[in-house]
Amino acid sequence: MMYGIAPMCALPWSADRRDLRVYFDMTMDLSAELTLKIYVTTAAGYATEPSDTPANQPFRGVLQSFSFSRSIMQSDIGQFTTGTGNLTISNDDAEYDFLPLSYAIDGRPIQIRLGRVDAPYAETYPLAQLTASGWNIDTEVISIDLEDYSYKLEVPLQPNTYGGTGGADGGTDLTGKRKPLAFGNALNVSPVLLVPNLLIYQLHDGPVQAVDAVYDRGVPLTSGGNVADYTTLAAASLTPGQFKTCLSAGLVKLGSSAAGTVTADVRGDNSSGYITTTADIVRWALRERTVLEDPGDLDVASFAAVNTAQPAPVAYFAGPDDNLTVAAFVQALMGGIGGWGGHRLDGTFEVRIFQAPSGDPVAVFTRDDMIGGDIKREPLPESYRPPRWRWRVPYARNWTVQTDLAGAVTAARKAFVAEPYRLAEASSSTIQLDHPFAQDRDPIQSWFVNESDAAAEAARLIDLYKTTRAIYRMPLPRRALRREMGDVIRVTHDRFDLRFGRLMIVVEWKAQVNFTGEGADVVEIAAYG
């Protein structure tokens, strides 16, 4: 079903000289059984050209306002970003009164494009790919609640559970338990006892790169080699003190009943090649556990950039009682390298690392651009005030803390398994001197394998936050609609320390655009600099 208006004008806004020159294409797929697409614009009349897609499509000029906000500035800067907003459409003519009787809107896509009213549809800029979370239709307007595609990540990191039918499906004690997942070089993990009578354990739901060691009460066992599949492993004979692996299924088998806690060092997932970096593991989770398509739904360049900026190997293990969502998993991993993940306005998922602003800015804003010339200076989030004089970063995580150890276990091994992780740190006596109340907070949550990488991250964090910086909030014109979280901009103003211009990082973005002539259009950006 489509809605048309007549007559169609070639330049519908030119006669009354209104200077709004944008139109929005909103598509709502309102039912799995019956699809209804609604096309609206800010113009008095608009239609696509025969060569456009869609071709010869009329738009009703009833779009009233669009608002949306995104932020990476919570208690910490970064980790994960989501966006929410609202879209309003006039319903004065009762044209849309029938909608709530027959259609639902939650989860349906909203496409918003920006362009000149006298230009072809093909030349419009795809401002946003969003989804609707709900609506209200009254006698005056349709008010549609918007959000980005982050909801697609609110699914289990591990949806695969044991069926309890025996063998590789686990026994009845495991019914409904999640299968373990291991990434990177995960140390001293606790495998799942999969088949008790055969002494078969599972380390990972899928192929792994290697099992470097298996321990019984901290005593290392001897490798008896690898076999191709579960059936061969189940039939294999071993001597006491041995273990045999089936790397293709993430399994190990012991040669005799364990005297106590069984643990292992495993180099994890190898389903499409062994992955060890934060960006690659996050990409695995998006590709394998969500409906996002790789590469189509990903900002692939951002993953490559994070791999370049932070190539350090990391490790993560999720056991059968872990109920992480993909969103929480991405937040944990990206937070561990001082970064974040989230959907861009164009609907693609990106990852970035929060860094000091540098290089060439993607946009420049001066006092003349700011509505009323206004700019505000705000403090950093409370967790950064006053700055930390020391940053501590974990590495070499021990995934099973143990005290029940055999007498033959070495002192070094006992010390390792007694602590959940080791710590690298970086500190600054200058910060302590300048800030008597400087903080010494708990270690961040990170997943580095090597001490050198953890130490480098601690030094990076000290360097990043030792400089006196603030959040600058400014109301900007519509061209700021194109800015993304993490973009580098240059801001010049005659207040504060901005007279000669300063590079900043966009950390928050709020748009309020009205098409009815009521109120001013504002894109408010908060930037770190």
Protein backbone atom coordinates (compact mmCIF):
# COMPACT_ATOMS: atom_id res chain seq x y z
CA MET A 1 0.00 0.00 0.00
CA MET A 2 1.36 3.43 -0.93
CA TYR A 3 0.29 6.97 -0.30
CA GLY A 4 0.36 9.60 -3.00
CA ILE A 5 -0.34 13.32 -3.31
CA ALA A 6 -1.18 15.38 -6.36
CA PRO A 7 -0.12 17.40 -8.14
CA MET A 8 3.60 16.62 -7.91
CA CYS A 9 5.78 19.75 -8.19
CA ALA A 10 9.28 19.77 -9.55
CA LEU A 11 10.44 22.32 -6.97
CA PRO A 12 7.68 22.22 -4.35
CA TRP A 13 9.39 24.57 -1.87
CA SER A 14 10.77 27.16 -4.22
CA ALA A 15 7.65 29.29 -4.44
CA ASP A 16 7.24 29.98 -0.73
CA ARG A 17 11.03 30.37 -0.25
CA ARG A 18 11.27 28.18 2.82
CA ASP A 19 14.88 27.30 3.33
CA LEU A 20 14.43 23.72 4.62
CA ARG A 21 15.88 21.53 1.92
CA VAL A 22 15.84 18.07 3.45
CA TYR A 23 13.54 15.17 3.09
CA PHE A 24 13.37 11.93 4.95
CA ASP A 25 12.45 8.52 3.65
CA MET A 26 10.91 6.45 6.42
CA THR A 27 10.18 2.83 5.65
CA MET A 28 8.23 0.75 8.11
CA ASP A 29 7.83 -2.97 7.46
CA LEU A 30 4.82 -3.37 9.67
CA SER A 31 3.94 -7.04 9.46
CA ALA A 32 5.61 -10.31 8.65
CA GLU A 33 2.48 -11.31 6.70
CA LEU A 34 1.58 -7.97 5.11
CA THR A 35 4.24 -5.39 4.47
CA LEU A 36 3.23 -1.74 4.43
CA LYS A 37 5.78 0.88 3.48
CA ILE A 38 5.13 4.50 4.34
CA TYR A 39 7.10 7.26 2.63
CA VAL A 40 7.06 10.73 4.14
CA THR A 41 9.03 13.91 3.64
CA THR A 42 9.25 17.47 4.90
CA ALA A 43 8.42 18.82 1.45
CA ALA A 44 4.93 19.83 0.31
CA GLY A 45 5.27 17.23 -2.39
CA TYR A 46 8.02 14.96 -3.62
CA ALA A 47 8.38 11.89 -5.81
CA THR A 48 11.35 9.85 -6.88
CA GLU A 49 12.44 9.72 -10.49
CA PRO A 50 11.89 6.74 -12.84
CA SER A 51 15.58 5.83 -12.54
CA ASP A 52 15.53 5.87 -8.72
CA THR A 53 15.01 2.96 -6.36
CA PRO A 54 12.18 2.98 -5.51
CA ALA A 55 11.02 4.40 -8.85
CA ASN A 56 8.23 6.97 -9.18
CA GLN A 57 7.52 6.80 -5.47
CA PRO A 58 5.43 9.65 -4.02
CA PHE A 59 6.16 10.95 -0.51
CA ARG A 60 3.60 12.63 1.71
CA GLY A 61 4.79 15.95 3.14
CA VAL A 62 3.84 15.21 6.74
CA LEU A 63 7.17 14.66 8.50
CA GLN A 64 7.34 17.01 11.50
CA SER A 65 10.43 16.30 13.59
CA PHE A 66 13.35 13.98 14.21
CA SER A 67 15.39 13.64 17.40
CA PHE A 68 18.11 11.20 18.33
CA SER A 69 20.95 10.94 20.83
CA ARG A 70 24.04 8.78 21.25
CA SER A 71 26.79 8.76 23.85
CA ILE A 72 29.94 6.94 24.94
CA MET A 73 30.08 8.96 28.14
CA GLN A 74 28.69 6.99 31.06
CA SER A 75 30.58 6.43 34.31
CA ASP A 76 33.53 5.62 32.05
CA ILE A 77 34.20 6.97 28.59
CA GLY A 78 33.72 4.21 26.06
CA GLN A 79 32.83 0.49 26.39
CA PHE A 80 29.50 0.49 24.52
CA THR A 81 27.22 3.02 22.87
CA THR A 82 23.51 2.96 22.14
CA GLY A 83 21.15 5.49 20.60
CA THR A 84 17.50 6.43 21.13
CA GLY A 85 15.20 9.06 19.69
CA ASN A 86 11.82 9.96 18.28
CA LEU A 87 10.14 10.70 14.96
CA THR A 88 6.83 12.54 14.58
CA ILE A 89 4.48 12.54 11.59
CA SER A 90 1.34 14.62 11.21
CA ASN A 91 -1.96 12.74 11.45
CA ASP A 92 -4.24 15.80 11.29
CA ASP A 93 -6.03 14.38 8.25
CA ALA A 94 -6.66 11.01 10.00
CA GLU A 95 -4.81 9.26 7.17
CA TYR A 96 -3.03 6.93 9.58
CA ASP A 97 -5.83 6.18 12.04
CA PHE A 98 -6.06 2.59 10.77
CA LEU A 99 -2.45 1.68 11.56
CA PRO A 100 -2.72 0.48 15.19
CA LEU A 101 -5.69 -1.69 14.27
CA SER A 102 -3.73 -3.85 11.85
CA TYR A 103 -0.01 -3.30 12.27
CA ALA A 104 2.80 -3.42 14.82
CA ILE A 105 5.90 -1.28 14.50
CA ASP A 106 8.39 -2.51 17.10
CA GLY A 107 11.47 -4.01 15.50
CA ARG A 108 10.67 -2.61 12.05
CA PRO A 109 13.34 -0.67 10.14
CA ILE A 110 13.34 3.09 9.76
CA GLN A 111 15.44 4.62 6.98
CA ILE A 112 16.19 8.33 7.04
CA ARG A 113 17.84 10.15 4.16
CA LEU A 114 18.90 13.75 3.82
CA GLY A 115 19.07 15.78 0.65
CA ARG A 116 18.03 18.78 -1.43
CA VAL A 117 14.38 18.88 -2.33
CA ASP A 118 15.25 19.73 -5.96
CA ALA A 119 17.79 16.90 -6.31
CA PRO A 120 17.27 13.26 -7.36
CA TYR A 121 16.64 10.70 -4.67
CA ALA A 122 19.82 8.89 -5.73
CA GLU A 123 21.83 11.88 -4.52
CA THR A 124 20.43 11.82 -0.99
CA TYR A 125 22.67 11.12 1.97
CA PRO A 126 21.73 8.05 4.08
CA LEU A 127 21.63 9.75 7.45
CA ALA A 128 20.35 6.90 9.62
CA GLN A 129 19.30 3.26 9.63
CA LEU A 130 17.29 2.76 12.81
CA THR A 131 14.51 0.65 14.20
CA ALA A 132 11.22 1.47 15.87
CA SER A 133 10.61 0.34 19.44
CA GLY A 134 7.03 1.58 19.75
CA TRP A 135 4.56 4.26 18.72
CA ASN A 136 1.56 6.30 19.74
CA ILE A 137 -1.02 7.44 17.20
CA ASP A 138 -3.45 10.18 18.19
CA THR A 139 -5.60 12.73 16.40
CA GLU A 140 -2.65 15.01 15.69
CA VAL A 141 0.57 13.02 15.27
CA ILE A 142 2.19 9.63 15.04
CA SER A 143 5.00 9.59 17.60
CA ILE A 144 7.51 6.81 16.88
CA ASP A 145 10.17 5.79 19.41
CA LEU A 146 13.49 5.04 17.76
CA GLU A 147 16.59 3.10 18.72
CA ASP A 148 19.67 1.85 16.96
CA TYR A 149 20.35 -1.81 16.20
CA SER A 150 21.96 -2.53 19.57
CA TYR A 151 19.01 -4.74 20.47
CA LYS A 152 20.37 -7.28 17.99
CA LEU A 153 23.23 -7.89 20.44
CA GLU A 154 20.94 -8.64 23.36
CA VAL A 155 21.22 -12.36 22.69
CA PRO A 156 23.24 -15.04 24.50
CA LEU A 157 26.92 -15.22 23.70
CA GLN A 158 26.46 -18.99 23.98
CA PRO A 159 23.01 -20.22 22.91
CA ASN A 160 24.21 -23.84 22.59
CA THR A 161 23.33 -26.01 25.56
CA TYR A 162 23.69 -29.67 26.44
CA GLY A 163 20.72 -31.87 25.68
CA GLY A 164 21.55 -34.47 28.33
CA THR A 165 21.05 -37.47 26.01
CA GLY A 166 24.52 -38.87 26.69
CA GLY A 167 27.81 -39.02 24.85
CA ALA A 168 28.86 -35.76 23.23
CA ASP A 169 25.49 -34.30 24.25
CA GLY A 170 26.34 -34.63 27.94
CA GLY A 171 24.55 -36.47 30.70
CA THR A 172 21.36 -35.49 32.49
CA ASP A 173 23.33 -33.43 35.04
CA LEU A 174 24.34 -31.10 32.21
CA THR A 175 20.90 -30.70 30.64
CA GLY A 176 20.33 -27.05 29.80
CA LYS A 177 23.85 -25.98 30.78
CA ARG A 178 25.72 -23.79 28.31
CA LYS A 179 28.67 -25.28 26.47
CA PRO A 180 32.00 -23.60 27.32
CA LEU A 181 33.73 -21.08 25.08
CA ALA A 182 37.45 -20.32 25.04
CA PHE A 183 39.23 -17.58 23.10
CA GLY A 184 42.93 -16.93 22.87
CA ASN A 185 45.43 -18.46 25.29
CA ALA A 186 43.15 -19.11 28.28
CA LEU A 187 45.05 -20.40 31.31
CA ASN A 188 43.89 -22.88 33.94
CA VAL A 189 40.27 -23.09 32.82
CA SER A 190 37.87 -25.61 34.32
CA PRO A 191 36.56 -27.91 31.57
CA VAL A 192 33.10 -29.47 31.70
CA LEU A 193 33.00 -33.15 32.68
CA LEU A 194 31.11 -34.29 29.61
CA VAL A 195 31.13 -38.12 29.87
CA PRO A 196 32.02 -39.19 33.45
CA ASN A 197 32.47 -42.91 32.77
CA LEU A 198 34.87 -42.19 29.88
CA LEU A 199 36.63 -39.29 31.65
CA ILE A 200 35.95 -36.95 28.69
CA TYR A 201 35.93 -33.20 29.35
CA GLN A 202 34.98 -30.29 27.08
CA LEU A 203 36.99 -27.05 26.92
CA HIS A 204 35.28 -25.31 23.99
CA ASP A 205 32.19 -25.66 21.86
CA GLY A 206 34.00 -26.22 18.59
CA PRO A 207 37.53 -26.63 17.27
CA VAL A 208 40.46 -25.23 19.24
CA GLN A 209 44.02 -24.41 18.24
CA ALA A 210 45.77 -26.45 20.96
CA VAL A 211 45.57 -27.80 24.48
CA ASP A 212 48.95 -26.91 25.93
CA ALA A 213 48.53 -28.54 29.33
CA VAL A 214 46.07 -30.47 31.48
CA TYR A 215 46.37 -30.52 35.29
CA ASP A 216 44.96 -32.70 38.06
CA ARG A 217 45.12 -30.83 41.38
CA GLY A 218 47.79 -28.68 39.77
CA VAL A 219 49.97 -31.59 38.62
CA PRO A 220 50.58 -31.55 34.85
CA LEU A 221 49.56 -34.67 32.93
CA THR A 222 51.36 -36.10 29.89
CA SER A 223 49.98 -35.62 26.40
CA GLY A 224 49.00 -38.78 24.56
CA GLY A 225 48.37 -37.06 21.24
CA ASN A 226 45.29 -35.96 19.32
CA VAL A 227 42.47 -37.80 17.55
CA ALA A 228 40.12 -36.69 14.81
CA ASP A 229 36.66 -36.97 16.37
CA TYR A 230 34.58 -37.79 19.43
CA THR A 231 34.05 -41.43 18.48
CA THR A 232 37.79 -42.07 18.20
CA LEU A 233 38.42 -40.25 21.48
CA ALA A 234 35.76 -42.27 23.29
CA ALA A 235 37.40 -45.52 22.13
CA ALA A 236 40.97 -44.43 22.84
CA SER A 237 43.05 -46.17 25.53
CA LEU A 238 45.35 -44.14 27.79
CA THR A 239 47.61 -44.91 30.70
CA PRO A 240 47.20 -43.19 34.09
CA GLY A 241 48.70 -39.73 34.09
CA GLN A 242 48.00 -39.20 30.39
CA PHE A 243 45.49 -37.10 28.47
CA LYS A 244 44.45 -37.21 24.84
CA THR A 245 42.79 -34.42 22.87
CA CYS A 246 40.20 -34.06 20.15
CA LEU A 247 41.00 -30.52 19.00
CA SER A 248 38.24 -30.53 16.39
CA ALA A 249 35.62 -30.67 19.15
CA GLY A 250 37.46 -28.97 22.03
CA LEU A 251 37.66 -32.21 24.06
CA VAL A 252 40.19 -33.95 26.32
CA LYS A 253 40.17 -37.44 27.80
CA LEU A 254 42.06 -38.52 30.92
CA GLY A 255 43.83 -41.83 31.42
CA SER A 256 42.58 -42.24 35.00
CA SER A 257 40.07 -40.72 37.39
CA ALA A 258 41.08 -37.30 38.64
CA ALA A 259 42.33 -36.93 42.18
CA GLY A 260 40.83 -33.44 42.39
CA THR A 261 40.14 -30.36 40.29
CA VAL A 262 40.93 -30.75 36.59
CA THR A 263 42.10 -27.65 34.73
CA ALA A 264 43.73 -26.95 31.39
CA ASP A 265 45.59 -24.33 29.39
CA VAL A 266 43.83 -24.01 26.03
CA ARG A 267 44.42 -21.95 22.93
CA GLY A 268 40.81 -21.47 22.02
CA ASP A 269 38.47 -21.03 19.08
CA ASN A 270 39.88 -22.05 15.72
CA SER A 271 36.65 -22.35 13.75
CA SER A 272 37.82 -19.96 11.03
CA GLY A 273 41.45 -19.62 12.04
CA TYR A 274 42.93 -19.03 15.47
CA ILE A 275 41.90 -15.60 16.76
CA THR A 276 43.64 -13.76 19.59
CA THR A 277 42.99 -10.01 19.22
CA THR A 278 40.12 -8.09 20.78
CA ALA A 279 38.73 -6.90 17.44
CA ASP A 280 38.81 -10.40 15.91
CA ILE A 281 37.09 -12.01 18.90
CA VAL A 282 34.39 -9.31 18.94
CA ARG A 283 33.89 -9.83 15.22
CA TRP A 284 33.51 -13.59 15.82
CA ALA A 285 30.76 -12.94 18.37
CA LEU A 286 28.89 -10.61 16.02
CA ARG A 287 29.18 -12.98 13.09
CA GLU A 288 28.45 -16.23 14.90
CA ARG A 289 25.96 -15.17 17.56
CA THR A 290 23.84 -12.37 16.11
CA VAL A 291 21.83 -11.73 12.96
CA LEU A 292 24.42 -9.23 11.76
CA GLU A 293 26.02 -10.14 8.44
CA ASP A 294 29.79 -10.06 8.07
CA PRO A 295 30.94 -7.96 6.28
CA GLY A 296 27.74 -6.21 5.16
CA ASP A 297 26.53 -5.08 8.59
CA LEU A 298 29.99 -4.22 9.95
CA ASP A 299 32.21 -1.19 9.58
CA VAL A 300 35.07 -3.43 8.53
CA ALA A 301 37.59 -0.59 8.42
CA SER A 302 37.06 0.08 12.13
CA PHE A 303 37.95 -3.52 13.00
CA ALA A 304 41.13 -3.28 10.95
CA ALA A 305 41.99 0.02 12.64
CA VAL A 306 41.55 -1.45 16.13
CA ASN A 307 43.67 -4.46 15.19
CA THR A 308 46.39 -2.07 14.06
CA ALA A 309 46.17 0.13 17.15
CA GLN A 310 45.88 -2.76 19.61
CA PRO A 311 47.21 -6.08 18.24
CA ALA A 312 47.89 -7.52 21.70
CA PRO A 313 46.66 -11.09 22.30
CA VAL A 314 43.85 -11.46 24.82
CA ALA A 315 42.10 -14.46 26.35
CA TYR A 316 38.57 -15.12 27.58
CA PHE A 317 36.76 -18.16 28.94
CA ALA A 318 33.00 -18.52 29.45
CA GLY A 319 31.93 -21.51 31.48
CA PRO A 320 28.58 -23.35 31.62
CA ASP A 321 27.12 -20.99 34.22
CA ASP A 322 28.04 -17.78 32.36
CA ASN A 323 24.99 -16.01 30.93
CA LEU A 324 26.70 -13.21 29.01
CA THR A 325 24.89 -11.49 26.18
CA VAL A 326 26.84 -10.53 23.09
CA ALA A 327 26.39 -6.89 24.09
CA ALA A 328 27.93 -7.50 27.53
CA PHE A 329 30.73 -9.55 25.96
CA VAL A 330 31.59 -6.78 23.49
CA GLN A 331 31.49 -4.21 26.29
CA ALA A 332 33.83 -6.31 28.44
CA LEU A 333 36.37 -6.94 25.70
CA MET A 334 36.38 -3.44 24.24
CA GLY A 335 36.48 -1.89 27.72
CA GLY A 336 39.59 -3.95 28.37
CA ILE A 337 41.50 -2.01 25.72
CA GLY A 338 39.96 1.38 26.50
CA GLY A 339 37.54 1.18 23.61
CA TRP A 340 33.91 0.70 22.73
CA GLY A 341 31.58 -0.87 20.21
CA GLY A 342 28.23 0.21 18.85
CA HIS A 343 26.13 0.93 15.81
CA ARG A 344 26.85 3.95 13.67
CA LEU A 345 23.94 6.03 12.41
CA ASP A 346 24.17 4.19 9.08
CA GLY A 347 23.37 0.93 10.87
CA THR A 348 26.80 -0.67 10.64
CA PHE A 349 28.56 -1.89 13.77
CA GLU A 350 31.91 -0.32 14.57
CA VAL A 351 34.65 -0.67 17.19
CA ARG A 352 37.00 2.09 18.29
CA ILE A 353 39.62 2.85 20.92
CA PHE A 354 39.31 6.05 22.92
CA GLN A 355 42.46 8.05 22.29
CA ALA A 356 43.64 11.63 22.59
CA PRO A 357 42.52 13.72 19.61
CA SER A 358 45.15 13.91 16.88
CA GLY A 359 45.56 14.09 13.13
CA ASP A 360 43.35 15.86 10.63
CA PRO A 361 39.84 16.72 11.86
CA VAL A 362 36.83 15.48 9.90
CA ALA A 363 35.01 18.76 10.60
CA VAL A 364 35.80 22.26 11.83
CA PHE A 365 33.44 24.37 13.94
CA THR A 366 33.89 27.98 15.01
CA ARG A 367 31.96 30.34 17.24
CA ASP A 368 30.00 31.49 14.18
CA ASP A 369 28.70 27.93 13.69
CA MET A 370 27.40 27.67 17.23
CA ILE A 371 23.80 28.72 17.71
CA GLY A 372 23.93 31.95 19.63
CA GLY A 373 27.70 31.54 19.82
CA ASP A 374 27.19 29.37 22.89
CA ILE A 375 29.66 26.83 24.26
CA LYS A 376 29.81 25.20 27.68
CA ARG A 377 32.72 23.63 29.47
CA GLU A 378 31.95 20.68 31.74
CA PRO A 379 34.11 18.43 33.91
CA LEU A 380 34.97 14.89 32.93
CA PRO A 381 32.84 12.09 34.41
CA GLU A 382 33.36 11.65 38.15
CA SER A 383 35.49 8.54 37.73
CA TYR A 384 38.16 10.73 36.07
CA ARG A 385 38.08 13.55 38.65
CA PRO A 386 40.63 14.08 40.04
CA PRO A 387 42.84 12.07 37.67
CA ARG A 388 44.31 8.76 38.71
CA TRP A 389 47.96 8.82 39.64
CA ARG A 390 48.19 5.09 38.99
CA TRP A 391 46.53 2.73 36.52
CA ARG A 392 46.67 -1.02 37.14
CA VAL A 393 45.93 -3.43 34.31
CA PRO A 394 45.48 -7.21 34.68
CA TYR A 395 47.19 -9.80 32.50
CA ALA A 396 47.69 -13.61 32.46
CA ARG A 397 44.31 -14.37 34.00
CA ASN A 398 43.96 -17.57 35.96
CA TRP A 399 40.42 -18.77 35.25
CA THR A 400 40.30 -21.21 38.18
CA VAL A 401 41.60 -20.01 41.54
CA GLN A 402 42.83 -23.07 43.48
CA THR A 403 44.00 -23.92 46.96
CA ASP A 404 43.41 -27.69 46.84
CA LEU A 405 46.71 -28.72 45.28
CA ALA A 406 48.85 -31.83 45.34
CA GLY A 407 52.06 -31.77 47.32
CA ALA A 408 54.18 -32.14 44.21
CA VAL A 409 52.97 -28.81 42.77
CA THR A 410 55.80 -26.30 42.49
CA ALA A 411 55.83 -23.10 44.50
CA ALA A 412 55.60 -21.06 41.30
CA ARG A 413 52.49 -22.96 40.20
CA LYS A 414 50.89 -22.58 43.61
CA ALA A 415 51.47 -18.84 43.47
CA PHE A 416 49.99 -18.60 39.98
CA VAL A 417 46.75 -20.48 40.67
CA ALA A 418 46.18 -18.69 43.99
CA GLU A 419 45.50 -15.34 42.25
CA PRO A 420 42.92 -14.50 39.53
CA TYR A 421 45.38 -12.34 37.58
CA ARG A 422 48.69 -10.51 37.66
CA LEU A 423 48.94 -6.71 37.49
CA ALA A 424 51.00 -4.32 35.43
CA GLU A 425 50.90 -0.67 36.39
CA ALA A 426 51.94 2.81 35.40
CA SER A 427 52.10 5.74 37.82
CA SER A 428 52.94 9.43 37.83
CA SER A 429 54.47 11.32 40.74
CA THR A 430 53.74 14.54 38.85
CA ILE A 431 50.00 13.84 38.98
CA GLN A 432 50.29 13.15 42.71
CA LEU A 433 52.09 16.45 43.18
CA ASP A 434 49.65 18.46 41.08
CA HIS A 435 46.56 16.75 42.50
CA PRO A 436 46.81 15.94 46.23
CA PHE A 437 43.47 14.11 45.96
CA ALA A 438 44.59 12.05 42.96
CA GLN A 439 42.86 8.67 42.75
CA ASP A 440 44.26 5.18 43.09
CA ARG A 441 41.29 3.10 42.00
CA ASP A 442 40.72 -0.60 41.49
CA PRO A 443 42.34 -2.27 38.49
CA ILE A 444 40.44 -1.99 35.23
CA GLN A 445 38.96 -5.16 33.76
CA SER A 446 41.20 -6.34 30.95
CA TRP A 447 42.10 -9.65 29.33
CA PHE A 448 45.71 -9.30 28.18
CA VAL A 449 47.85 -12.40 27.97
CA ASN A 450 51.25 -10.73 28.23
CA GLU A 451 52.67 -8.42 30.89
CA SER A 452 54.27 -6.12 28.32
CA ASP A 453 50.92 -5.42 26.66
CA ALA A 454 49.22 -4.73 29.98
CA ALA A 455 52.05 -2.38 30.96
CA ALA A 456 51.77 -0.57 27.63
CA GLU A 457 48.04 -0.05 28.15
CA ALA A 458 48.60 1.25 31.69
CA ALA A 459 51.16 3.74 30.33
CA ARG A 460 48.76 4.77 27.57
CA LEU A 461 46.00 5.48 30.09
CA ILE A 462 48.30 7.53 32.32
CA ASP A 463 49.39 9.57 29.30
CA LEU A 464 45.83 9.98 28.00
CA TYR A 465 44.36 11.36 31.21
CA LYS A 466 47.29 13.24 32.73
CA THR A 467 46.60 16.25 30.50
CA THR A 468 43.99 18.66 31.82
CA ARG A 469 40.98 18.22 29.59
CA ALA A 470 37.26 18.81 29.78
CA ILE A 471 33.99 18.19 27.96
CA TYR A 472 32.92 21.02 25.66
CA ARG A 473 29.23 21.10 24.75
CA MET A 474 28.10 23.15 21.77
CA PRO A 475 24.87 23.63 19.75
CA LEU A 476 25.69 23.26 16.06
CA PRO A 477 23.95 23.47 12.67
CA ARG A 478 22.59 20.57 10.68
CA ARG A 479 25.89 19.67 9.05
CA ALA A 480 26.87 18.21 12.42
CA LEU A 481 24.27 15.49 11.80
CA ARG A 482 26.97 13.47 10.04
CA ARG A 483 29.32 13.23 12.99
CA GLU A 484 29.95 9.91 14.72
CA MET A 485 31.19 8.91 18.15
CA GLY A 486 34.99 9.13 18.20
CA ASP A 487 35.27 11.58 15.30
CA VAL A 488 38.06 14.15 15.61
CA ILE A 489 36.85 17.74 15.18
CA ARG A 490 38.51 21.13 15.55
CA VAL A 491 36.73 23.74 17.67
CA THR A 492 37.63 27.44 17.73
CA HIS A 493 36.02 29.92 20.13
CA ASP A 494 37.04 33.03 22.00
CA ARG A 495 36.33 31.41 25.39
CA PHE A 496 38.50 29.19 27.57
CA ASP A 497 41.57 27.82 25.77
CA LEU A 498 39.93 27.57 22.35
CA ARG A 499 41.05 30.84 20.78
CA PHE A 500 43.60 29.18 18.49
CA GLY A 501 41.51 26.07 17.89
CA ARG A 502 41.62 22.73 19.63
CA LEU A 503 41.23 19.15 18.47
CA MET A 504 38.50 17.22 20.25
CA ILE A 505 36.87 13.79 20.23
CA VAL A 506 33.08 13.54 19.85
CA VAL A 507 31.70 11.66 22.87
CA GLU A 508 28.01 12.61 22.73
CA TRP A 509 25.60 13.64 19.97
CA LYS A 510 22.04 14.89 20.27
CA ALA A 511 19.94 16.03 17.32
CA GLN A 512 16.63 17.89 17.46
CA VAL A 513 15.40 18.80 14.00
CA ASN A 514 11.97 20.40 13.47
CA PHE A 515 10.23 20.76 10.13
CA THR A 516 7.15 22.72 11.15
CA GLY A 517 8.86 26.06 11.69
CA GLU A 518 8.49 25.74 15.47
CA GLY A 519 11.74 25.93 17.41
CA ALA A 520 15.31 25.92 16.19
CA ASP A 521 17.12 22.94 14.74
CA VAL A 522 19.97 21.94 17.02
CA VAL A 523 22.65 19.27 16.82
CA GLU A 524 24.33 19.34 20.21
CA ILE A 525 27.77 17.79 20.33
CA ALA A 526 29.77 17.09 23.46
CA ALA A 527 33.47 16.66 22.75
CA TYR A 528 36.51 15.68 24.81
CA GLY A 529 39.48 17.96 24.43
